[in-house]
PDBML (XML) file of the C-alpha atoms, coordinates in Angstrom:
<?xml version="1.0" encoding="UTF-8" ?>
<PDBx:datablock datablockName="MODEL"
   xmlns:PDBx="http://pdbml.pdb.org/schema/pdbx-v50.xsd"
   xmlns:xsi="http://www.w3.org/2001/XMLSchema-instance"
   xsi:schemaLocation="http://pdbml.pdb.org/schema/pdbx-v50.xsd pdbx-v50.xsd">
   <PDBx:atom_siteCategory>
      <PDBx:atom_site id="1">
         <PDBx:B_iso_or_equiv>0.00</PDBx:B_iso_or_equiv>
         <PDBx:Cartn_x>101.501</PDBx:Cartn_x>
         <PDBx:Cartn_y>101.870</PDBx:Cartn_y>
         <PDBx:Cartn_z>114.330</PDBx:Cartn_z>
         <PDBx:auth_asym_id>A</PDBx:auth_asym_id>
         <PDBx:auth_atom_id>CA</PDBx:auth_atom_id>
         <PDBx:auth_comp_id>LEU</PDBx:auth_comp_id>
         <PDBx:auth_seq_id>1</PDBx:auth_seq_id>
         <PDBx:group_PDB>ATOM</PDBx:group_PDB>
         <PDBx:label_alt_id xsi:nil="true" />
         <PDBx:label_asym_id>A</PDBx:label_asym_id>
         <PDBx:label_atom_id>CA</PDBx:label_atom_id>
         <PDBx:label_comp_id>LEU</PDBx:label_comp_id>
         <PDBx:label_entity_id>1</PDBx:label_entity_id>
         <PDBx:label_seq_id>1</PDBx:label_seq_id>
         <PDBx:occupancy>1.00</PDBx:occupancy>
         <PDBx:pdbx_PDB_model_num>1</PDBx:pdbx_PDB_model_num>
         <PDBx:type_symbol>C</PDBx:type_symbol>
      </PDBx:atom_site>
      <PDBx:atom_site id="2">
         <PDBx:B_iso_or_equiv>0.00</PDBx:B_iso_or_equiv>
         <PDBx:Cartn_x>100.587</PDBx:Cartn_x>
         <PDBx:Cartn_y>105.510</PDBx:Cartn_y>
         <PDBx:Cartn_z>115.031</PDBx:Cartn_z>
         <PDBx:auth_asym_id>A</PDBx:auth_asym_id>
         <PDBx:auth_atom_id>CA</PDBx:auth_atom_id>
         <PDBx:auth_comp_id>SER</PDBx:auth_comp_id>
         <PDBx:auth_seq_id>2</PDBx:auth_seq_id>
         <PDBx:group_PDB>ATOM</PDBx:group_PDB>
         <PDBx:label_alt_id xsi:nil="true" />
         <PDBx:label_asym_id>A</PDBx:label_asym_id>
         <PDBx:label_atom_id>CA</PDBx:label_atom_id>
         <PDBx:label_comp_id>SER</PDBx:label_comp_id>
         <PDBx:label_entity_id>1</PDBx:label_entity_id>
         <PDBx:label_seq_id>2</PDBx:label_seq_id>
         <PDBx:occupancy>1.00</PDBx:occupancy>
         <PDBx:pdbx_PDB_model_num>1</PDBx:pdbx_PDB_model_num>
         <PDBx:type_symbol>C</PDBx:type_symbol>
      </PDBx:atom_site>
      <PDBx:atom_site id="3">
         <PDBx:B_iso_or_equiv>0.00</PDBx:B_iso_or_equiv>
         <PDBx:Cartn_x>97.892</PDBx:Cartn_x>
         <PDBx:Cartn_y>107.527</PDBx:Cartn_y>
         <PDBx:Cartn_z>113.272</PDBx:Cartn_z>
         <PDBx:auth_asym_id>A</PDBx:auth_asym_id>
         <PDBx:auth_atom_id>CA</PDBx:auth_atom_id>
         <PDBx:auth_comp_id>ASP</PDBx:auth_comp_id>
         <PDBx:auth_seq_id>3</PDBx:auth_seq_id>
         <PDBx:group_PDB>ATOM</PDBx:group_PDB>
         <PDBx:label_alt_id xsi:nil="true" />
         <PDBx:label_asym_id>A</PDBx:label_asym_id>
         <PDBx:label_atom_id>CA</PDBx:label_atom_id>
         <PDBx:label_comp_id>ASP</PDBx:label_comp_id>
         <PDBx:label_entity_id>1</PDBx:label_entity_id>
         <PDBx:label_seq_id>3</PDBx:label_seq_id>
         <PDBx:occupancy>1.00</PDBx:occupancy>
         <PDBx:pdbx_PDB_model_num>1</PDBx:pdbx_PDB_model_num>
         <PDBx:type_symbol>C</PDBx:type_symbol>
      </PDBx:atom_site>
      <PDBx:atom_site id="4">
         <PDBx:B_iso_or_equiv>0.00</PDBx:B_iso_or_equiv>
         <PDBx:Cartn_x>100.543</PDBx:Cartn_x>
         <PDBx:Cartn_y>109.592</PDBx:Cartn_y>
         <PDBx:Cartn_z>111.462</PDBx:Cartn_z>
         <PDBx:auth_asym_id>A</PDBx:auth_asym_id>
         <PDBx:auth_atom_id>CA</PDBx:auth_atom_id>
         <PDBx:auth_comp_id>GLU</PDBx:auth_comp_id>
         <PDBx:auth_seq_id>4</PDBx:auth_seq_id>
         <PDBx:group_PDB>ATOM</PDBx:group_PDB>
         <PDBx:label_alt_id xsi:nil="true" />
         <PDBx:label_asym_id>A</PDBx:label_asym_id>
         <PDBx:label_atom_id>CA</PDBx:label_atom_id>
         <PDBx:label_comp_id>GLU</PDBx:label_comp_id>
         <PDBx:label_entity_id>1</PDBx:label_entity_id>
         <PDBx:label_seq_id>4</PDBx:label_seq_id>
         <PDBx:occupancy>1.00</PDBx:occupancy>
         <PDBx:pdbx_PDB_model_num>1</PDBx:pdbx_PDB_model_num>
         <PDBx:type_symbol>C</PDBx:type_symbol>
      </PDBx:atom_site>
      <PDBx:atom_site id="5">
         <PDBx:B_iso_or_equiv>0.00</PDBx:B_iso_or_equiv>
         <PDBx:Cartn_x>101.720</PDBx:Cartn_x>
         <PDBx:Cartn_y>106.769</PDBx:Cartn_y>
         <PDBx:Cartn_z>109.156</PDBx:Cartn_z>
         <PDBx:auth_asym_id>A</PDBx:auth_asym_id>
         <PDBx:auth_atom_id>CA</PDBx:auth_atom_id>
         <PDBx:auth_comp_id>VAL</PDBx:auth_comp_id>
         <PDBx:auth_seq_id>5</PDBx:auth_seq_id>
         <PDBx:group_PDB>ATOM</PDBx:group_PDB>
         <PDBx:label_alt_id xsi:nil="true" />
         <PDBx:label_asym_id>A</PDBx:label_asym_id>
         <PDBx:label_atom_id>CA</PDBx:label_atom_id>
         <PDBx:label_comp_id>VAL</PDBx:label_comp_id>
         <PDBx:label_entity_id>1</PDBx:label_entity_id>
         <PDBx:label_seq_id>5</PDBx:label_seq_id>
         <PDBx:occupancy>1.00</PDBx:occupancy>
         <PDBx:pdbx_PDB_model_num>1</PDBx:pdbx_PDB_model_num>
         <PDBx:type_symbol>C</PDBx:type_symbol>
      </PDBx:atom_site>
      <PDBx:atom_site id="6">
         <PDBx:B_iso_or_equiv>0.00</PDBx:B_iso_or_equiv>
         <PDBx:Cartn_x>99.545</PDBx:Cartn_x>
         <PDBx:Cartn_y>105.372</PDBx:Cartn_y>
         <PDBx:Cartn_z>106.364</PDBx:Cartn_z>
         <PDBx:auth_asym_id>A</PDBx:auth_asym_id>
         <PDBx:auth_atom_id>CA</PDBx:auth_atom_id>
         <PDBx:auth_comp_id>HIS</PDBx:auth_comp_id>
         <PDBx:auth_seq_id>6</PDBx:auth_seq_id>
         <PDBx:group_PDB>ATOM</PDBx:group_PDB>
         <PDBx:label_alt_id xsi:nil="true" />
         <PDBx:label_asym_id>A</PDBx:label_asym_id>
         <PDBx:label_atom_id>CA</PDBx:label_atom_id>
         <PDBx:label_comp_id>HIS</PDBx:label_comp_id>
         <PDBx:label_entity_id>1</PDBx:label_entity_id>
         <PDBx:label_seq_id>6</PDBx:label_seq_id>
         <PDBx:occupancy>1.00</PDBx:occupancy>
         <PDBx:pdbx_PDB_model_num>1</PDBx:pdbx_PDB_model_num>
         <PDBx:type_symbol>C</PDBx:type_symbol>
      </PDBx:atom_site>
      <PDBx:atom_site id="7">
         <PDBx:B_iso_or_equiv>0.00</PDBx:B_iso_or_equiv>
         <PDBx:Cartn_x>100.067</PDBx:Cartn_x>
         <PDBx:Cartn_y>103.669</PDBx:Cartn_y>
         <PDBx:Cartn_z>102.991</PDBx:Cartn_z>
         <PDBx:auth_asym_id>A</PDBx:auth_asym_id>
         <PDBx:auth_atom_id>CA</PDBx:auth_atom_id>
         <PDBx:auth_comp_id>PRO</PDBx:auth_comp_id>
         <PDBx:auth_seq_id>7</PDBx:auth_seq_id>
         <PDBx:group_PDB>ATOM</PDBx:group_PDB>
         <PDBx:label_alt_id xsi:nil="true" />
         <PDBx:label_asym_id>A</PDBx:label_asym_id>
         <PDBx:label_atom_id>CA</PDBx:label_atom_id>
         <PDBx:label_comp_id>PRO</PDBx:label_comp_id>
         <PDBx:label_entity_id>1</PDBx:label_entity_id>
         <PDBx:label_seq_id>7</PDBx:label_seq_id>
         <PDBx:occupancy>1.00</PDBx:occupancy>
         <PDBx:pdbx_PDB_model_num>1</PDBx:pdbx_PDB_model_num>
         <PDBx:type_symbol>C</PDBx:type_symbol>
      </PDBx:atom_site>
      <PDBx:atom_site id="8">
         <PDBx:B_iso_or_equiv>0.00</PDBx:B_iso_or_equiv>
         <PDBx:Cartn_x>100.342</PDBx:Cartn_x>
         <PDBx:Cartn_y>106.289</PDBx:Cartn_y>
         <PDBx:Cartn_z>100.252</PDBx:Cartn_z>
         <PDBx:auth_asym_id>A</PDBx:auth_asym_id>
         <PDBx:auth_atom_id>CA</PDBx:auth_atom_id>
         <PDBx:auth_comp_id>ASN</PDBx:auth_comp_id>
         <PDBx:auth_seq_id>8</PDBx:auth_seq_id>
         <PDBx:group_PDB>ATOM</PDBx:group_PDB>
         <PDBx:label_alt_id xsi:nil="true" />
         <PDBx:label_asym_id>A</PDBx:label_asym_id>
         <PDBx:label_atom_id>CA</PDBx:label_atom_id>
         <PDBx:label_comp_id>ASN</PDBx:label_comp_id>
         <PDBx:label_entity_id>1</PDBx:label_entity_id>
         <PDBx:label_seq_id>8</PDBx:label_seq_id>
         <PDBx:occupancy>1.00</PDBx:occupancy>
         <PDBx:pdbx_PDB_model_num>1</PDBx:pdbx_PDB_model_num>
         <PDBx:type_symbol>C</PDBx:type_symbol>
      </PDBx:atom_site>
      <PDBx:atom_site id="9">
         <PDBx:B_iso_or_equiv>0.00</PDBx:B_iso_or_equiv>
         <PDBx:Cartn_x>99.042</PDBx:Cartn_x>
         <PDBx:Cartn_y>106.229</PDBx:Cartn_y>
         <PDBx:Cartn_z>96.680</PDBx:Cartn_z>
         <PDBx:auth_asym_id>A</PDBx:auth_asym_id>
         <PDBx:auth_atom_id>CA</PDBx:auth_atom_id>
         <PDBx:auth_comp_id>GLN</PDBx:auth_comp_id>
         <PDBx:auth_seq_id>9</PDBx:auth_seq_id>
         <PDBx:group_PDB>ATOM</PDBx:group_PDB>
         <PDBx:label_alt_id xsi:nil="true" />
         <PDBx:label_asym_id>A</PDBx:label_asym_id>
         <PDBx:label_atom_id>CA</PDBx:label_atom_id>
         <PDBx:label_comp_id>GLN</PDBx:label_comp_id>
         <PDBx:label_entity_id>1</PDBx:label_entity_id>
         <PDBx:label_seq_id>9</PDBx:label_seq_id>
         <PDBx:occupancy>1.00</PDBx:occupancy>
         <PDBx:pdbx_PDB_model_num>1</PDBx:pdbx_PDB_model_num>
         <PDBx:type_symbol>C</PDBx:type_symbol>
      </PDBx:atom_site>
      <PDBx:atom_site id="10">
         <PDBx:B_iso_or_equiv>0.00</PDBx:B_iso_or_equiv>
         <PDBx:Cartn_x>102.097</PDBx:Cartn_x>
         <PDBx:Cartn_y>104.319</PDBx:Cartn_y>
         <PDBx:Cartn_z>95.459</PDBx:Cartn_z>
         <PDBx:auth_asym_id>A</PDBx:auth_asym_id>
         <PDBx:auth_atom_id>CA</PDBx:auth_atom_id>
         <PDBx:auth_comp_id>ALA</PDBx:auth_comp_id>
         <PDBx:auth_seq_id>10</PDBx:auth_seq_id>
         <PDBx:group_PDB>ATOM</PDBx:group_PDB>
         <PDBx:label_alt_id xsi:nil="true" />
         <PDBx:label_asym_id>A</PDBx:label_asym_id>
         <PDBx:label_atom_id>CA</PDBx:label_atom_id>
         <PDBx:label_comp_id>ALA</PDBx:label_comp_id>
         <PDBx:label_entity_id>1</PDBx:label_entity_id>
         <PDBx:label_seq_id>10</PDBx:label_seq_id>
         <PDBx:occupancy>1.00</PDBx:occupancy>
         <PDBx:pdbx_PDB_model_num>1</PDBx:pdbx_PDB_model_num>
         <PDBx:type_symbol>C</PDBx:type_symbol>
      </PDBx:atom_site>
      <PDBx:atom_site id="11">
         <PDBx:B_iso_or_equiv>0.00</PDBx:B_iso_or_equiv>
         <PDBx:Cartn_x>101.429</PDBx:Cartn_x>
         <PDBx:Cartn_y>101.446</PDBx:Cartn_y>
         <PDBx:Cartn_z>97.894</PDBx:Cartn_z>
         <PDBx:auth_asym_id>A</PDBx:auth_asym_id>
         <PDBx:auth_atom_id>CA</PDBx:auth_atom_id>
         <PDBx:auth_comp_id>HIS</PDBx:auth_comp_id>
         <PDBx:auth_seq_id>11</PDBx:auth_seq_id>
         <PDBx:group_PDB>ATOM</PDBx:group_PDB>
         <PDBx:label_alt_id xsi:nil="true" />
         <PDBx:label_asym_id>A</PDBx:label_asym_id>
         <PDBx:label_atom_id>CA</PDBx:label_atom_id>
         <PDBx:label_comp_id>HIS</PDBx:label_comp_id>
         <PDBx:label_entity_id>1</PDBx:label_entity_id>
         <PDBx:label_seq_id>11</PDBx:label_seq_id>
         <PDBx:occupancy>1.00</PDBx:occupancy>
         <PDBx:pdbx_PDB_model_num>1</PDBx:pdbx_PDB_model_num>
         <PDBx:type_symbol>C</PDBx:type_symbol>
      </PDBx:atom_site>
      <PDBx:atom_site id="12">
         <PDBx:B_iso_or_equiv>0.00</PDBx:B_iso_or_equiv>
         <PDBx:Cartn_x>97.737</PDBx:Cartn_x>
         <PDBx:Cartn_y>101.512</PDBx:Cartn_y>
         <PDBx:Cartn_z>97.004</PDBx:Cartn_z>
         <PDBx:auth_asym_id>A</PDBx:auth_asym_id>
         <PDBx:auth_atom_id>CA</PDBx:auth_atom_id>
         <PDBx:auth_comp_id>ILE</PDBx:auth_comp_id>
         <PDBx:auth_seq_id>12</PDBx:auth_seq_id>
         <PDBx:group_PDB>ATOM</PDBx:group_PDB>
         <PDBx:label_alt_id xsi:nil="true" />
         <PDBx:label_asym_id>A</PDBx:label_asym_id>
         <PDBx:label_atom_id>CA</PDBx:label_atom_id>
         <PDBx:label_comp_id>ILE</PDBx:label_comp_id>
         <PDBx:label_entity_id>1</PDBx:label_entity_id>
         <PDBx:label_seq_id>12</PDBx:label_seq_id>
         <PDBx:occupancy>1.00</PDBx:occupancy>
         <PDBx:pdbx_PDB_model_num>1</PDBx:pdbx_PDB_model_num>
         <PDBx:type_symbol>C</PDBx:type_symbol>
      </PDBx:atom_site>
      <PDBx:atom_site id="13">
         <PDBx:B_iso_or_equiv>0.00</PDBx:B_iso_or_equiv>
         <PDBx:Cartn_x>98.494</PDBx:Cartn_x>
         <PDBx:Cartn_y>101.485</PDBx:Cartn_y>
         <PDBx:Cartn_z>93.264</PDBx:Cartn_z>
         <PDBx:auth_asym_id>A</PDBx:auth_asym_id>
         <PDBx:auth_atom_id>CA</PDBx:auth_atom_id>
         <PDBx:auth_comp_id>ALA</PDBx:auth_comp_id>
         <PDBx:auth_seq_id>13</PDBx:auth_seq_id>
         <PDBx:group_PDB>ATOM</PDBx:group_PDB>
         <PDBx:label_alt_id xsi:nil="true" />
         <PDBx:label_asym_id>A</PDBx:label_asym_id>
         <PDBx:label_atom_id>CA</PDBx:label_atom_id>
         <PDBx:label_comp_id>ALA</PDBx:label_comp_id>
         <PDBx:label_entity_id>1</PDBx:label_entity_id>
         <PDBx:label_seq_id>13</PDBx:label_seq_id>
         <PDBx:occupancy>1.00</PDBx:occupancy>
         <PDBx:pdbx_PDB_model_num>1</PDBx:pdbx_PDB_model_num>
         <PDBx:type_symbol>C</PDBx:type_symbol>
      </PDBx:atom_site>
      <PDBx:atom_site id="14">
         <PDBx:B_iso_or_equiv>0.00</PDBx:B_iso_or_equiv>
         <PDBx:Cartn_x>100.693</PDBx:Cartn_x>
         <PDBx:Cartn_y>98.378</PDBx:Cartn_y>
         <PDBx:Cartn_z>93.595</PDBx:Cartn_z>
         <PDBx:auth_asym_id>A</PDBx:auth_asym_id>
         <PDBx:auth_atom_id>CA</PDBx:auth_atom_id>
         <PDBx:auth_comp_id>LEU</PDBx:auth_comp_id>
         <PDBx:auth_seq_id>14</PDBx:auth_seq_id>
         <PDBx:group_PDB>ATOM</PDBx:group_PDB>
         <PDBx:label_alt_id xsi:nil="true" />
         <PDBx:label_asym_id>A</PDBx:label_asym_id>
         <PDBx:label_atom_id>CA</PDBx:label_atom_id>
         <PDBx:label_comp_id>LEU</PDBx:label_comp_id>
         <PDBx:label_entity_id>1</PDBx:label_entity_id>
         <PDBx:label_seq_id>14</PDBx:label_seq_id>
         <PDBx:occupancy>1.00</PDBx:occupancy>
         <PDBx:pdbx_PDB_model_num>1</PDBx:pdbx_PDB_model_num>
         <PDBx:type_symbol>C</PDBx:type_symbol>
      </PDBx:atom_site>
      <PDBx:atom_site id="15">
         <PDBx:B_iso_or_equiv>0.00</PDBx:B_iso_or_equiv>
         <PDBx:Cartn_x>97.966</PDBx:Cartn_x>
         <PDBx:Cartn_y>96.616</PDBx:Cartn_y>
         <PDBx:Cartn_z>95.576</PDBx:Cartn_z>
         <PDBx:auth_asym_id>A</PDBx:auth_asym_id>
         <PDBx:auth_atom_id>CA</PDBx:auth_atom_id>
         <PDBx:auth_comp_id>ALA</PDBx:auth_comp_id>
         <PDBx:auth_seq_id>15</PDBx:auth_seq_id>
         <PDBx:group_PDB>ATOM</PDBx:group_PDB>
         <PDBx:label_alt_id xsi:nil="true" />
         <PDBx:label_asym_id>A</PDBx:label_asym_id>
         <PDBx:label_atom_id>CA</PDBx:label_atom_id>
         <PDBx:label_comp_id>ALA</PDBx:label_comp_id>
         <PDBx:label_entity_id>1</PDBx:label_entity_id>
         <PDBx:label_seq_id>15</PDBx:label_seq_id>
         <PDBx:occupancy>1.00</PDBx:occupancy>
         <PDBx:pdbx_PDB_model_num>1</PDBx:pdbx_PDB_model_num>
         <PDBx:type_symbol>C</PDBx:type_symbol>
      </PDBx:atom_site>
      <PDBx:atom_site id="16">
         <PDBx:B_iso_or_equiv>0.00</PDBx:B_iso_or_equiv>
         <PDBx:Cartn_x>95.478</PDBx:Cartn_x>
         <PDBx:Cartn_y>97.502</PDBx:Cartn_y>
         <PDBx:Cartn_z>92.834</PDBx:Cartn_z>
         <PDBx:auth_asym_id>A</PDBx:auth_asym_id>
         <PDBx:auth_atom_id>CA</PDBx:auth_atom_id>
         <PDBx:auth_comp_id>GLU</PDBx:auth_comp_id>
         <PDBx:auth_seq_id>16</PDBx:auth_seq_id>
         <PDBx:group_PDB>ATOM</PDBx:group_PDB>
         <PDBx:label_alt_id xsi:nil="true" />
         <PDBx:label_asym_id>A</PDBx:label_asym_id>
         <PDBx:label_atom_id>CA</PDBx:label_atom_id>
         <PDBx:label_comp_id>GLU</PDBx:label_comp_id>
         <PDBx:label_entity_id>1</PDBx:label_entity_id>
         <PDBx:label_seq_id>16</PDBx:label_seq_id>
         <PDBx:occupancy>1.00</PDBx:occupancy>
         <PDBx:pdbx_PDB_model_num>1</PDBx:pdbx_PDB_model_num>
         <PDBx:type_symbol>C</PDBx:type_symbol>
      </PDBx:atom_site>
      <PDBx:atom_site id="17">
         <PDBx:B_iso_or_equiv>0.00</PDBx:B_iso_or_equiv>
         <PDBx:Cartn_x>97.882</PDBx:Cartn_x>
         <PDBx:Cartn_y>96.140</PDBx:Cartn_y>
         <PDBx:Cartn_z>90.209</PDBx:Cartn_z>
         <PDBx:auth_asym_id>A</PDBx:auth_asym_id>
         <PDBx:auth_atom_id>CA</PDBx:auth_atom_id>
         <PDBx:auth_comp_id>LEU</PDBx:auth_comp_id>
         <PDBx:auth_seq_id>17</PDBx:auth_seq_id>
         <PDBx:group_PDB>ATOM</PDBx:group_PDB>
         <PDBx:label_alt_id xsi:nil="true" />
         <PDBx:label_asym_id>A</PDBx:label_asym_id>
         <PDBx:label_atom_id>CA</PDBx:label_atom_id>
         <PDBx:label_comp_id>LEU</PDBx:label_comp_id>
         <PDBx:label_entity_id>1</PDBx:label_entity_id>
         <PDBx:label_seq_id>17</PDBx:label_seq_id>
         <PDBx:occupancy>1.00</PDBx:occupancy>
         <PDBx:pdbx_PDB_model_num>1</PDBx:pdbx_PDB_model_num>
         <PDBx:type_symbol>C</PDBx:type_symbol>
      </PDBx:atom_site>
      <PDBx:atom_site id="18">
         <PDBx:B_iso_or_equiv>0.00</PDBx:B_iso_or_equiv>
         <PDBx:Cartn_x>98.184</PDBx:Cartn_x>
         <PDBx:Cartn_y>92.850</PDBx:Cartn_y>
         <PDBx:Cartn_z>92.093</PDBx:Cartn_z>
         <PDBx:auth_asym_id>A</PDBx:auth_asym_id>
         <PDBx:auth_atom_id>CA</PDBx:auth_atom_id>
         <PDBx:auth_comp_id>GLU</PDBx:auth_comp_id>
         <PDBx:auth_seq_id>18</PDBx:auth_seq_id>
         <PDBx:group_PDB>ATOM</PDBx:group_PDB>
         <PDBx:label_alt_id xsi:nil="true" />
         <PDBx:label_asym_id>A</PDBx:label_asym_id>
         <PDBx:label_atom_id>CA</PDBx:label_atom_id>
         <PDBx:label_comp_id>GLU</PDBx:label_comp_id>
         <PDBx:label_entity_id>1</PDBx:label_entity_id>
         <PDBx:label_seq_id>18</PDBx:label_seq_id>
         <PDBx:occupancy>1.00</PDBx:occupancy>
         <PDBx:pdbx_PDB_model_num>1</PDBx:pdbx_PDB_model_num>
         <PDBx:type_symbol>C</PDBx:type_symbol>
      </PDBx:atom_site>
      <PDBx:atom_site id="19">
         <PDBx:B_iso_or_equiv>0.00</PDBx:B_iso_or_equiv>
         <PDBx:Cartn_x>94.393</PDBx:Cartn_x>
         <PDBx:Cartn_y>92.603</PDBx:Cartn_y>
         <PDBx:Cartn_z>92.220</PDBx:Cartn_z>
         <PDBx:auth_asym_id>A</PDBx:auth_asym_id>
         <PDBx:auth_atom_id>CA</PDBx:auth_atom_id>
         <PDBx:auth_comp_id>GLU</PDBx:auth_comp_id>
         <PDBx:auth_seq_id>19</PDBx:auth_seq_id>
         <PDBx:group_PDB>ATOM</PDBx:group_PDB>
         <PDBx:label_alt_id xsi:nil="true" />
         <PDBx:label_asym_id>A</PDBx:label_asym_id>
         <PDBx:label_atom_id>CA</PDBx:label_atom_id>
         <PDBx:label_comp_id>GLU</PDBx:label_comp_id>
         <PDBx:label_entity_id>1</PDBx:label_entity_id>
         <PDBx:label_seq_id>19</PDBx:label_seq_id>
         <PDBx:occupancy>1.00</PDBx:occupancy>
         <PDBx:pdbx_PDB_model_num>1</PDBx:pdbx_PDB_model_num>
         <PDBx:type_symbol>C</PDBx:type_symbol>
      </PDBx:atom_site>
      <PDBx:atom_site id="20">
         <PDBx:B_iso_or_equiv>0.00</PDBx:B_iso_or_equiv>
         <PDBx:Cartn_x>93.786</PDBx:Cartn_x>
         <PDBx:Cartn_y>93.370</PDBx:Cartn_y>
         <PDBx:Cartn_z>88.528</PDBx:Cartn_z>
         <PDBx:auth_asym_id>A</PDBx:auth_asym_id>
         <PDBx:auth_atom_id>CA</PDBx:auth_atom_id>
         <PDBx:auth_comp_id>LYS</PDBx:auth_comp_id>
         <PDBx:auth_seq_id>20</PDBx:auth_seq_id>
         <PDBx:group_PDB>ATOM</PDBx:group_PDB>
         <PDBx:label_alt_id xsi:nil="true" />
         <PDBx:label_asym_id>A</PDBx:label_asym_id>
         <PDBx:label_atom_id>CA</PDBx:label_atom_id>
         <PDBx:label_comp_id>LYS</PDBx:label_comp_id>
         <PDBx:label_entity_id>1</PDBx:label_entity_id>
         <PDBx:label_seq_id>20</PDBx:label_seq_id>
         <PDBx:occupancy>1.00</PDBx:occupancy>
         <PDBx:pdbx_PDB_model_num>1</PDBx:pdbx_PDB_model_num>
         <PDBx:type_symbol>C</PDBx:type_symbol>
      </PDBx:atom_site>
      <PDBx:atom_site id="21">
         <PDBx:B_iso_or_equiv>0.00</PDBx:B_iso_or_equiv>
         <PDBx:Cartn_x>96.858</PDBx:Cartn_x>
         <PDBx:Cartn_y>91.889</PDBx:Cartn_y>
         <PDBx:Cartn_z>86.854</PDBx:Cartn_z>
         <PDBx:auth_asym_id>A</PDBx:auth_asym_id>
         <PDBx:auth_atom_id>CA</PDBx:auth_atom_id>
         <PDBx:auth_comp_id>PHE</PDBx:auth_comp_id>
         <PDBx:auth_seq_id>21</PDBx:auth_seq_id>
         <PDBx:group_PDB>ATOM</PDBx:group_PDB>
         <PDBx:label_alt_id xsi:nil="true" />
         <PDBx:label_asym_id>A</PDBx:label_asym_id>
         <PDBx:label_atom_id>CA</PDBx:label_atom_id>
         <PDBx:label_comp_id>PHE</PDBx:label_comp_id>
         <PDBx:label_entity_id>1</PDBx:label_entity_id>
         <PDBx:label_seq_id>21</PDBx:label_seq_id>
         <PDBx:occupancy>1.00</PDBx:occupancy>
         <PDBx:pdbx_PDB_model_num>1</PDBx:pdbx_PDB_model_num>
         <PDBx:type_symbol>C</PDBx:type_symbol>
      </PDBx:atom_site>
      <PDBx:atom_site id="22">
         <PDBx:B_iso_or_equiv>0.00</PDBx:B_iso_or_equiv>
         <PDBx:Cartn_x>96.229</PDBx:Cartn_x>
         <PDBx:Cartn_y>88.519</PDBx:Cartn_y>
         <PDBx:Cartn_z>85.198</PDBx:Cartn_z>
         <PDBx:auth_asym_id>A</PDBx:auth_asym_id>
         <PDBx:auth_atom_id>CA</PDBx:auth_atom_id>
         <PDBx:auth_comp_id>GLN</PDBx:auth_comp_id>
         <PDBx:auth_seq_id>22</PDBx:auth_seq_id>
         <PDBx:group_PDB>ATOM</PDBx:group_PDB>
         <PDBx:label_alt_id xsi:nil="true" />
         <PDBx:label_asym_id>A</PDBx:label_asym_id>
         <PDBx:label_atom_id>CA</PDBx:label_atom_id>
         <PDBx:label_comp_id>GLN</PDBx:label_comp_id>
         <PDBx:label_entity_id>1</PDBx:label_entity_id>
         <PDBx:label_seq_id>22</PDBx:label_seq_id>
         <PDBx:occupancy>1.00</PDBx:occupancy>
         <PDBx:pdbx_PDB_model_num>1</PDBx:pdbx_PDB_model_num>
         <PDBx:type_symbol>C</PDBx:type_symbol>
      </PDBx:atom_site>
      <PDBx:atom_site id="23">
         <PDBx:B_iso_or_equiv>0.00</PDBx:B_iso_or_equiv>
         <PDBx:Cartn_x>99.808</PDBx:Cartn_x>
         <PDBx:Cartn_y>87.283</PDBx:Cartn_y>
         <PDBx:Cartn_z>85.586</PDBx:Cartn_z>
         <PDBx:auth_asym_id>A</PDBx:auth_asym_id>
         <PDBx:auth_atom_id>CA</PDBx:auth_atom_id>
         <PDBx:auth_comp_id>GLY</PDBx:auth_comp_id>
         <PDBx:auth_seq_id>23</PDBx:auth_seq_id>
         <PDBx:group_PDB>ATOM</PDBx:group_PDB>
         <PDBx:label_alt_id xsi:nil="true" />
         <PDBx:label_asym_id>A</PDBx:label_asym_id>
         <PDBx:label_atom_id>CA</PDBx:label_atom_id>
         <PDBx:label_comp_id>GLY</PDBx:label_comp_id>
         <PDBx:label_entity_id>1</PDBx:label_entity_id>
         <PDBx:label_seq_id>23</PDBx:label_seq_id>
         <PDBx:occupancy>1.00</PDBx:occupancy>
         <PDBx:pdbx_PDB_model_num>1</PDBx:pdbx_PDB_model_num>
         <PDBx:type_symbol>C</PDBx:type_symbol>
      </PDBx:atom_site>
      <PDBx:atom_site id="24">
         <PDBx:B_iso_or_equiv>0.00</PDBx:B_iso_or_equiv>
         <PDBx:Cartn_x>102.118</PDBx:Cartn_x>
         <PDBx:Cartn_y>86.916</PDBx:Cartn_y>
         <PDBx:Cartn_z>88.581</PDBx:Cartn_z>
         <PDBx:auth_asym_id>A</PDBx:auth_asym_id>
         <PDBx:auth_atom_id>CA</PDBx:auth_atom_id>
         <PDBx:auth_comp_id>LYS</PDBx:auth_comp_id>
         <PDBx:auth_seq_id>24</PDBx:auth_seq_id>
         <PDBx:group_PDB>ATOM</PDBx:group_PDB>
         <PDBx:label_alt_id xsi:nil="true" />
         <PDBx:label_asym_id>A</PDBx:label_asym_id>
         <PDBx:label_atom_id>CA</PDBx:label_atom_id>
         <PDBx:label_comp_id>LYS</PDBx:label_comp_id>
         <PDBx:label_entity_id>1</PDBx:label_entity_id>
         <PDBx:label_seq_id>24</PDBx:label_seq_id>
         <PDBx:occupancy>1.00</PDBx:occupancy>
         <PDBx:pdbx_PDB_model_num>1</PDBx:pdbx_PDB_model_num>
         <PDBx:type_symbol>C</PDBx:type_symbol>
      </PDBx:atom_site>
   </PDBx:atom_siteCategory>
</PDBx:datablock>
């Protein structure tokens, strides 16, 4: 929960895939 830990580009990319992917 500290300021030193954040999602990185890999996490963000998978979230983007979930948003744009037409399947499951």
